[in-house]
Amino acid sequence: AKPAPRATTPKPLRRRDVYDPHAGRLVPMPVYWRFDLPPGCRISGPALIAEHETSTLVGSSFAASINSLGYIVLERRS
């Protein structure tokens, strides 16, 4: 995929307590609607990206970005 231009991240729809395996406890996570995330936006975990039939958990040790093809790319943060 070609590099996507940097985009702003939409505001989360709500917050939800979810178990974060990295933290070992429930943590409040922002919930983003997948189709509101344009190519180039980046979300630092912990967060949830919700869709009609699934959700993507972005753990606290990861960041998610949307590439130029519209795919979610997860990267481990050091």
C-alpha atoms as a PDB file:
ATOM      1  CA  ALA A   1       0.000   0.000   0.000  1.00  0.00           C
ATOM      2  CA  LYS A   2       1.143   3.520  -0.689  1.00  0.00           C
ATOM      3  CA  PRO A   3       1.734   5.764   2.337  1.00  0.00           C
ATOM      4  CA  ALA A   4      -1.494   7.423   3.474  1.00  0.00           C
ATOM      5  CA  PRO A   5      -1.532  11.122   4.274  1.00  0.00           C
ATOM      6  CA  ARG A   6      -1.732  11.888   7.995  1.00  0.00           C
ATOM      7  CA  ALA A   7      -5.349  12.354   9.075  1.00  0.00           C
ATOM      8  CA  THR A   8      -7.001  13.447  12.286  1.00  0.00           C
ATOM      9  CA  THR A   9      -8.637  10.788  14.431  1.00  0.00           C
ATOM     10  CA  PRO A  10     -12.388  11.136  15.004  1.00  0.00           C
ATOM     11  CA  LYS A  11     -13.692  11.385  18.550  1.00  0.00           C
ATOM     12  CA  PRO A  12     -14.666   8.055  20.119  1.00  0.00           C
ATOM     13  CA  LEU A  13     -18.351   7.110  20.174  1.00  0.00           C
ATOM     14  CA  ARG A  14     -18.212   6.040  23.811  1.00  0.00           C
ATOM     15  CA  ARG A  15     -15.972   4.358  26.406  1.00  0.00           C
ATOM     16  CA  ARG A  16     -16.206   0.768  27.581  1.00  0.00           C
ATOM     17  CA  ASP A  17     -14.389  -1.269  30.224  1.00  0.00           C
ATOM     18  CA  VAL A  18     -12.481  -4.109  28.524  1.00  0.00           C
ATOM     19  CA  TYR A  19      -9.892  -6.569  29.838  1.00  0.00           C
ATOM     20  CA  ASP A  20      -6.438  -5.564  28.611  1.00  0.00           C
ATOM     21  CA  PRO A  21      -4.069  -8.561  28.732  1.00  0.00           C
ATOM     22  CA  HIS A  22      -0.983  -6.311  28.783  1.00  0.00           C
ATOM     23  CA  ALA A  23      -2.284  -4.401  31.824  1.00  0.00           C
ATOM     24  CA  GLY A  24      -3.798  -7.527  33.398  1.00  0.00           C
ATOM     25  CA  ARG A  25      -7.041  -5.761  34.361  1.00  0.00           C
ATOM     26  CA  LEU A  26     -10.165  -4.031  33.076  1.00  0.00           C
ATOM     27  CA  VAL A  27      -9.378  -0.642  31.588  1.00  0.00           C
ATOM     28  CA  PRO A  28     -11.684   2.025  30.137  1.00  0.00           C
ATOM     29  CA  MET A  29     -11.230   2.051  26.362  1.00  0.00           C
ATOM     30  CA  PRO A  30     -12.510   4.494  23.763  1.00  0.00           C
ATOM     31  CA  VAL A  31     -14.700   2.856  21.110  1.00  0.00           C
ATOM     32  CA  TYR A  32     -14.303   4.070  17.510  1.00  0.00           C
ATOM     33  CA  TRP A  33     -16.635   3.244  14.609  1.00  0.00           C
ATOM     34  CA  ARG A  34     -14.485   1.628  11.902  1.00  0.00           C
ATOM     35  CA  PHE A  35     -16.047   3.513   9.015  1.00  0.00           C
ATOM     36  CA  ASP A  36     -15.374   6.903  10.653  1.00  0.00           C
ATOM     37  CA  LEU A  37     -11.605   6.256  10.492  1.00  0.00           C
ATOM     38  CA  PRO A  38     -10.078   7.720   7.305  1.00  0.00           C
ATOM     39  CA  PRO A  39      -6.809   6.506   5.769  1.00  0.00           C
ATOM     40  CA  GLY A  40      -3.888   8.037   7.625  1.00  0.00           C
ATOM     41  CA  CYS A  41      -5.499   8.249  11.059  1.00  0.00           C
ATOM     42  CA  ARG A  42      -3.697   6.668  13.995  1.00  0.00           C
ATOM     43  CA  ILE A  43      -5.058   5.418  17.316  1.00  0.00           C
ATOM     44  CA  SER A  44      -2.916   4.556  20.319  1.00  0.00           C
ATOM     45  CA  GLY A  45      -4.138   1.644  22.400  1.00  0.00           C
ATOM     46  CA  PRO A  46      -5.927   0.732  24.450  1.00  0.00           C
ATOM     47  CA  ALA A  47      -8.945   1.154  22.167  1.00  0.00           C
ATOM     48  CA  LEU A  48     -11.685  -0.758  20.375  1.00  0.00           C
ATOM     49  CA  ILE A  49     -12.512  -0.368  16.694  1.00  0.00           C
ATOM     50  CA  ALA A  50     -16.106  -1.562  16.163  1.00  0.00           C
ATOM     51  CA  GLU A  51     -17.708  -2.752  12.921  1.00  0.00           C
ATOM     52  CA  HIS A  52     -21.050  -4.376  12.092  1.00  0.00           C
ATOM     53  CA  GLU A  53     -19.882  -7.967  12.607  1.00  0.00           C
ATOM     54  CA  THR A  54     -16.614  -7.715  14.556  1.00  0.00           C
ATOM     55  CA  SER A  55     -14.414  -5.534  16.736  1.00  0.00           C
ATOM     56  CA  THR A  56     -10.648  -5.030  16.754  1.00  0.00           C
ATOM     57  CA  LEU A  57      -8.961  -4.751  20.137  1.00  0.00           C
ATOM     58  CA  VAL A  58      -5.978  -2.403  20.116  1.00  0.00           C
ATOM     59  CA  GLY A  59      -4.092  -3.356  23.279  1.00  0.00           C
ATOM     60  CA  SER A  60      -2.182  -0.875  25.383  1.00  0.00           C
ATOM     61  CA  SER A  61       1.124  -1.976  23.833  1.00  0.00           C
ATOM     62  CA  PHE A  62      -0.116  -1.378  20.255  1.00  0.00           C
ATOM     63  CA  ALA A  63      -1.090   1.448  17.916  1.00  0.00           C
ATOM     64  CA  ALA A  64      -3.510   1.100  15.010  1.00  0.00           C
ATOM     65  CA  SER A  65      -3.476   3.029  11.766  1.00  0.00           C
ATOM     66  CA  ILE A  66      -5.579   2.936   8.620  1.00  0.00           C
ATOM     67  CA  ASN A  67      -3.465   2.463   5.500  1.00  0.00           C
ATOM     68  CA  SER A  68      -4.167   3.874   2.032  1.00  0.00           C
ATOM     69  CA  LEU A  69      -6.203   0.753   1.115  1.00  0.00           C
ATOM     70  CA  GLY A  70      -8.425   1.204   4.172  1.00  0.00           C
ATOM     71  CA  TYR A  71      -7.009  -1.735   6.156  1.00  0.00           C
ATOM     72  CA  ILE A  72      -6.338  -1.613   9.893  1.00  0.00           C
ATOM     73  CA  VAL A  73      -2.610  -2.029  10.597  1.00  0.00           C
ATOM     74  CA  LEU A  74      -1.555  -2.886  14.167  1.00  0.00           C
ATOM     75  CA  GLU A  75       1.999  -2.111  15.284  1.00  0.00           C
ATOM     76  CA  ARG A  76       3.603  -3.021  18.611  1.00  0.00           C
ATOM     77  CA  ARG A  77       4.937   0.021  20.455  1.00  0.00           C
ATOM     78  CA  SER A  78       8.243  -0.362  22.261  1.00  0.00           C
END
